[in-house]
Amino acid sequence: MSDPDDAFFEQLGHLVDATRDGRAATSDATYDDAFHRAGEAAAALQEMDREGW
């Protein structure tokens, strides 16, 4: 894989991990943290798409 592909799949992995953590959250703080991390990963993927990943 090329570097852009590696970066894409890394961000996608972060999004999946954060989503899984949010679903398993047992407290509001854990859920909020997971939601924040998912948002950051989604934003990174959107930026990559805008740049023509």
PDB file of N, CA and C in Angstrom:
ATOM      1  N   MET A   1       0.832  -1.187   0.000  1.00  0.00           N
ATOM      2  CA  MET A   1       0.000   0.000   0.000  1.00  0.00           C
ATOM      3  C   MET A   1       0.871   1.244   0.000  1.00  0.00           C
ATOM      4  N   SER A   2       0.371   2.260  -0.609  1.00  0.00           N
ATOM      5  CA  SER A   2       1.090   3.525  -0.600  1.00  0.00           C
ATOM      6  C   SER A   2       0.796   4.281   0.694  1.00  0.00           C
ATOM      7  N   ASP A   3       1.563   5.326   0.934  1.00  0.00           N
ATOM      8  CA  ASP A   3       1.380   6.104   2.166  1.00  0.00           C
ATOM      9  C   ASP A   3      -0.034   6.653   2.324  1.00  0.00           C
ATOM     10  N   PRO A   4      -0.655   7.218   1.256  1.00  0.00           N
ATOM     11  CA  PRO A   4      -2.031   7.697   1.436  1.00  0.00           C
ATOM     12  C   PRO A   4      -2.994   6.578   1.851  1.00  0.00           C
ATOM     13  N   ASP A   5      -2.788   5.390   1.291  1.00  0.00           N
ATOM     14  CA  ASP A   5      -3.640   4.271   1.679  1.00  0.00           C
ATOM     15  C   ASP A   5      -3.423   3.914   3.144  1.00  0.00           C
ATOM     16  N   ASP A   6      -2.173   3.881   3.572  1.00  0.00           N
ATOM     17  CA  ASP A   6      -1.872   3.578   4.972  1.00  0.00           C
ATOM     18  C   ASP A   6      -2.547   4.586   5.896  1.00  0.00           C
ATOM     19  N   ALA A   7      -2.463   5.864   5.546  1.00  0.00           N
ATOM     20  CA  ALA A   7      -3.067   6.913   6.371  1.00  0.00           C
ATOM     21  C   ALA A   7      -4.586   6.765   6.410  1.00  0.00           C
ATOM     22  N   PHE A   8      -5.180   6.448   5.268  1.00  0.00           N
ATOM     23  CA  PHE A   8      -6.629   6.267   5.218  1.00  0.00           C
ATOM     24  C   PHE A   8      -7.065   5.135   6.131  1.00  0.00           C
ATOM     25  N   PHE A   9      -6.412   3.983   6.006  1.00  0.00           N
ATOM     26  CA  PHE A   9      -6.812   2.837   6.807  1.00  0.00           C
ATOM     27  C   PHE A   9      -6.493   3.028   8.288  1.00  0.00           C
ATOM     28  N   GLU A  10      -5.475   3.802   8.586  1.00  0.00           N
ATOM     29  CA  GLU A  10      -5.191   4.122   9.986  1.00  0.00           C
ATOM     30  C   GLU A  10      -6.337   4.941  10.576  1.00  0.00           C
ATOM     31  N   GLN A  11      -6.777   5.971   9.851  1.00  0.00           N
ATOM     32  CA  GLN A  11      -7.884   6.802  10.337  1.00  0.00           C
ATOM     33  C   GLN A  11      -9.173   5.996  10.412  1.00  0.00           C
ATOM     34  N   LEU A  12      -9.395   5.140   9.442  1.00  0.00           N
ATOM     35  CA  LEU A  12     -10.584   4.299   9.465  1.00  0.00           C
ATOM     36  C   LEU A  12     -10.561   3.388  10.692  1.00  0.00           C
ATOM     37  N   GLY A  13      -9.398   2.858  11.016  1.00  0.00           N
ATOM     38  CA  GLY A  13      -9.251   2.036  12.217  1.00  0.00           C
ATOM     39  C   GLY A  13      -9.560   2.819  13.478  1.00  0.00           C
ATOM     40  N   HIS A  14      -9.102   4.087  13.528  1.00  0.00           N
ATOM     41  CA  HIS A  14      -9.408   4.933  14.693  1.00  0.00           C
ATOM     42  C   HIS A  14     -10.920   5.141  14.823  1.00  0.00           C
ATOM     43  N   LEU A  15     -11.570   5.344  13.691  1.00  0.00           N
ATOM     44  CA  LEU A  15     -13.018   5.552  13.701  1.00  0.00           C
ATOM     45  C   LEU A  15     -13.738   4.300  14.205  1.00  0.00           C
ATOM     46  N   VAL A  16     -13.327   3.143  13.724  1.00  0.00           N
ATOM     47  CA  VAL A  16     -13.936   1.882  14.162  1.00  0.00           C
ATOM     48  C   VAL A  16     -13.692   1.661  15.654  1.00  0.00           C
ATOM     49  N   ASP A  17     -12.457   1.882  16.101  1.00  0.00           N
ATOM     50  CA  ASP A  17     -12.141   1.696  17.523  1.00  0.00           C
ATOM     51  C   ASP A  17     -12.976   2.620  18.407  1.00  0.00           C
ATOM     52  N   ALA A  18     -13.071   3.884  18.013  1.00  0.00           N
ATOM     53  CA  ALA A  18     -13.823   4.844  18.816  1.00  0.00           C
ATOM     54  C   ALA A  18     -15.305   4.496  18.843  1.00  0.00           C
ATOM     55  N   THR A  19     -15.822   4.033  17.712  1.00  0.00           N
ATOM     56  CA  THR A  19     -17.231   3.634  17.661  1.00  0.00           C
ATOM     57  C   THR A  19     -17.480   2.440  18.568  1.00  0.00           C
ATOM     58  N   ARG A  20     -16.611   1.467  18.526  1.00  0.00           N
ATOM     59  CA  ARG A  20     -16.737   0.286  19.387  1.00  0.00           C
ATOM     60  C   ARG A  20     -16.665   0.698  20.863  1.00  0.00           C
ATOM     61  N   ASP A  21     -15.711   1.585  21.193  1.00  0.00           N
ATOM     62  CA  ASP A  21     -15.571   2.047  22.573  1.00  0.00           C
ATOM     63  C   ASP A  21     -16.816   2.798  23.031  1.00  0.00           C
ATOM     64  N   GLY A  22     -17.382   3.604  22.154  1.00  0.00           N
ATOM     65  CA  GLY A  22     -18.596   4.344  22.499  1.00  0.00           C
ATOM     66  C   GLY A  22     -19.771   3.424  22.763  1.00  0.00           C
ATOM     67  N   ARG A  23     -19.876   2.385  21.973  1.00  0.00           N
ATOM     68  CA  ARG A  23     -20.974   1.421  22.168  1.00  0.00           C
ATOM     69  C   ARG A  23     -20.813   0.659  23.476  1.00  0.00           C
ATOM     70  N   ALA A  24     -19.574   0.466  23.911  1.00  0.00           N
ATOM     71  CA  ALA A  24     -19.314  -0.286  25.145  1.00  0.00           C
ATOM     72  C   ALA A  24     -19.190   0.612  26.375  1.00  0.00           C
ATOM     73  N   ALA A  25     -19.368   1.903  26.200  1.00  0.00           N
ATOM     74  CA  ALA A  25     -19.159   2.860  27.295  1.00  0.00           C
ATOM     75  C   ALA A  25     -20.101   2.575  28.462  1.00  0.00           C
ATOM     76  N   THR A  26     -19.541   2.703  29.647  1.00  0.00           N
ATOM     77  CA  THR A  26     -20.343   2.507  30.858  1.00  0.00           C
ATOM     78  C   THR A  26     -20.525   3.809  31.624  1.00  0.00           C
ATOM     79  N   SER A  27     -19.971   4.888  31.096  1.00  0.00           N
ATOM     80  CA  SER A  27     -20.139   6.188  31.747  1.00  0.00           C
ATOM     81  C   SER A  27     -20.233   7.271  30.680  1.00  0.00           C
ATOM     82  N   ASP A  28     -20.781   8.405  31.059  1.00  0.00           N
ATOM     83  CA  ASP A  28     -20.887   9.521  30.126  1.00  0.00           C
ATOM     84  C   ASP A  28     -19.522  10.000  29.670  1.00  0.00           C
ATOM     85  N   ALA A  29     -18.545  10.009  30.582  1.00  0.00           N
ATOM     86  CA  ALA A  29     -17.201  10.482  30.234  1.00  0.00           C
ATOM     87  C   ALA A  29     -16.558   9.573  29.187  1.00  0.00           C
ATOM     88  N   THR A  30     -16.721   8.271  29.346  1.00  0.00           N
ATOM     89  CA  THR A  30     -16.166   7.328  28.382  1.00  0.00           C
ATOM     90  C   THR A  30     -16.843   7.499  27.030  1.00  0.00           C
ATOM     91  N   TYR A  31     -18.156   7.653  27.045  1.00  0.00           N
ATOM     92  CA  TYR A  31     -18.896   7.862  25.806  1.00  0.00           C
ATOM     93  C   TYR A  31     -18.460   9.157  25.131  1.00  0.00           C
ATOM     94  N   ASP A  32     -18.351  10.241  25.903  1.00  0.00           N
ATOM     95  CA  ASP A  32     -17.948  11.532  25.348  1.00  0.00           C
ATOM     96  C   ASP A  32     -16.555  11.457  24.729  1.00  0.00           C
ATOM     97  N   ASP A  33     -15.634  10.761  25.398  1.00  0.00           N
ATOM     98  CA  ASP A  33     -14.287  10.598  24.855  1.00  0.00           C
ATOM     99  C   ASP A  33     -14.328   9.838  23.533  1.00  0.00           C
ATOM    100  N   ALA A  34     -15.068   8.759  23.493  1.00  0.00           N
ATOM    101  CA  ALA A  34     -15.165   7.963  22.265  1.00  0.00           C
ATOM    102  C   ALA A  34     -15.814   8.772  21.151  1.00  0.00           C
ATOM    103  N   PHE A  35     -16.858   9.515  21.480  1.00  0.00           N
ATOM    104  CA  PHE A  35     -17.535  10.353  20.485  1.00  0.00           C
ATOM    105  C   PHE A  35     -16.580  11.399  19.926  1.00  0.00           C
ATOM    106  N   HIS A  36     -15.770  12.002  20.776  1.00  0.00           N
ATOM    107  CA  HIS A  36     -14.791  12.999  20.359  1.00  0.00           C
ATOM    108  C   HIS A  36     -13.743  12.371  19.425  1.00  0.00           C
ATOM    109  N   ARG A  37     -13.233  11.200  19.803  1.00  0.00           N
ATOM    110  CA  ARG A  37     -12.229  10.523  18.965  1.00  0.00           C
ATOM    111  C   ARG A  37     -12.819  10.118  17.615  1.00  0.00           C
ATOM    112  N   ALA A  38     -14.067   9.676  17.609  1.00  0.00           N
ATOM    113  CA  ALA A  38     -14.718   9.317  16.350  1.00  0.00           C
ATOM    114  C   ALA A  38     -14.862  10.545  15.460  1.00  0.00           C
ATOM    115  N   GLY A  39     -15.206  11.667  16.055  1.00  0.00           N
ATOM    116  CA  GLY A  39     -15.327  12.910  15.291  1.00  0.00           C
ATOM    117  C   GLY A  39     -14.007  13.351  14.694  1.00  0.00           C
ATOM    118  N   GLU A  40     -12.930  13.205  15.452  1.00  0.00           N
ATOM    119  CA  GLU A  40     -11.608  13.570  14.926  1.00  0.00           C
ATOM    120  C   GLU A  40     -11.214  12.671  13.755  1.00  0.00           C
ATOM    121  N   ALA A  41     -11.471  11.386  13.886  1.00  0.00           N
ATOM    122  CA  ALA A  41     -11.128  10.454  12.810  1.00  0.00           C
ATOM    123  C   ALA A  41     -11.979  10.731  11.573  1.00  0.00           C
ATOM    124  N   ALA A  42     -13.255  10.994  11.766  1.00  0.00           N
ATOM    125  CA  ALA A  42     -14.136  11.299  10.642  1.00  0.00           C
ATOM    126  C   ALA A  42     -13.697  12.581   9.945  1.00  0.00           C
ATOM    127  N   ALA A  43     -13.307  13.583  10.711  1.00  0.00           N
ATOM    128  CA  ALA A  43     -12.831  14.832  10.124  1.00  0.00           C
ATOM    129  C   ALA A  43     -11.553  14.606   9.316  1.00  0.00           C
ATOM    130  N   ALA A  44     -10.664  13.770   9.819  1.00  0.00           N
ATOM    131  CA  ALA A  44      -9.427  13.467   9.094  1.00  0.00           C
ATOM    132  C   ALA A  44      -9.740  12.757   7.778  1.00  0.00           C
ATOM    133  N   LEU A  45     -10.700  11.836   7.801  1.00  0.00           N
ATOM    134  CA  LEU A  45     -11.094  11.142   6.574  1.00  0.00           C
ATOM    135  C   LEU A  45     -11.733  12.099   5.578  1.00  0.00           C
ATOM    136  N   GLN A  46     -12.541  13.023   6.059  1.00  0.00           N
ATOM    137  CA  GLN A  46     -13.149  14.021   5.176  1.00  0.00           C
ATOM    138  C   GLN A  46     -12.086  14.907   4.546  1.00  0.00           C
ATOM    139  N   GLU A  47     -11.095  15.298   5.320  1.00  0.00           N
ATOM    140  CA  GLU A  47     -10.010  16.130   4.799  1.00  0.00           C
ATOM    141  C   GLU A  47      -9.235  15.366   3.723  1.00  0.00           C
ATOM    142  N   MET A  48      -8.962  14.103   3.976  1.00  0.00           N
ATOM    143  CA  MET A  48      -8.272  13.288   2.973  1.00  0.00           C
ATOM    144  C   MET A  48      -9.081  13.206   1.692  1.00  0.00           C
ATOM    145  N   ASP A  49     -10.407  13.079   1.817  1.00  0.00           N
ATOM    146  CA  ASP A  49     -11.267  13.009   0.645  1.00  0.00           C
ATOM    147  C   ASP A  49     -11.227  14.316  -0.133  1.00  0.00           C
ATOM    148  N   ARG A  50     -11.263  15.448   0.570  1.00  0.00           N
ATOM    149  CA  ARG A  50     -11.190  16.758  -0.090  1.00  0.00           C
ATOM    150  C   ARG A  50      -9.875  16.937  -0.836  1.00  0.00           C
ATOM    151  N   GLU A  51      -8.813  16.350  -0.298  1.00  0.00           N
ATOM    152  CA  GLU A  51      -7.510  16.492  -0.921  1.00  0.00           C
ATOM    153  C   GLU A  51      -7.282  15.481  -2.045  1.00  0.00           C
ATOM    154  N   GLY A  52      -8.312  14.681  -2.308  1.00  0.00           N
ATOM    155  CA  GLY A  52      -8.225  13.733  -3.408  1.00  0.00           C
ATOM    156  C   GLY A  52      -7.494  12.447  -3.075  1.00  0.00           C
ATOM    157  N   TRP A  53      -7.640  12.005  -1.848  1.00  0.00           N
ATOM    158  CA  TRP A  53      -6.991  10.779  -1.401  1.00  0.00           C
ATOM    159  C   TRP A  53      -6.982   9.804  -2.516  1.00  0.00           C
TER     160      TRP A  53
END
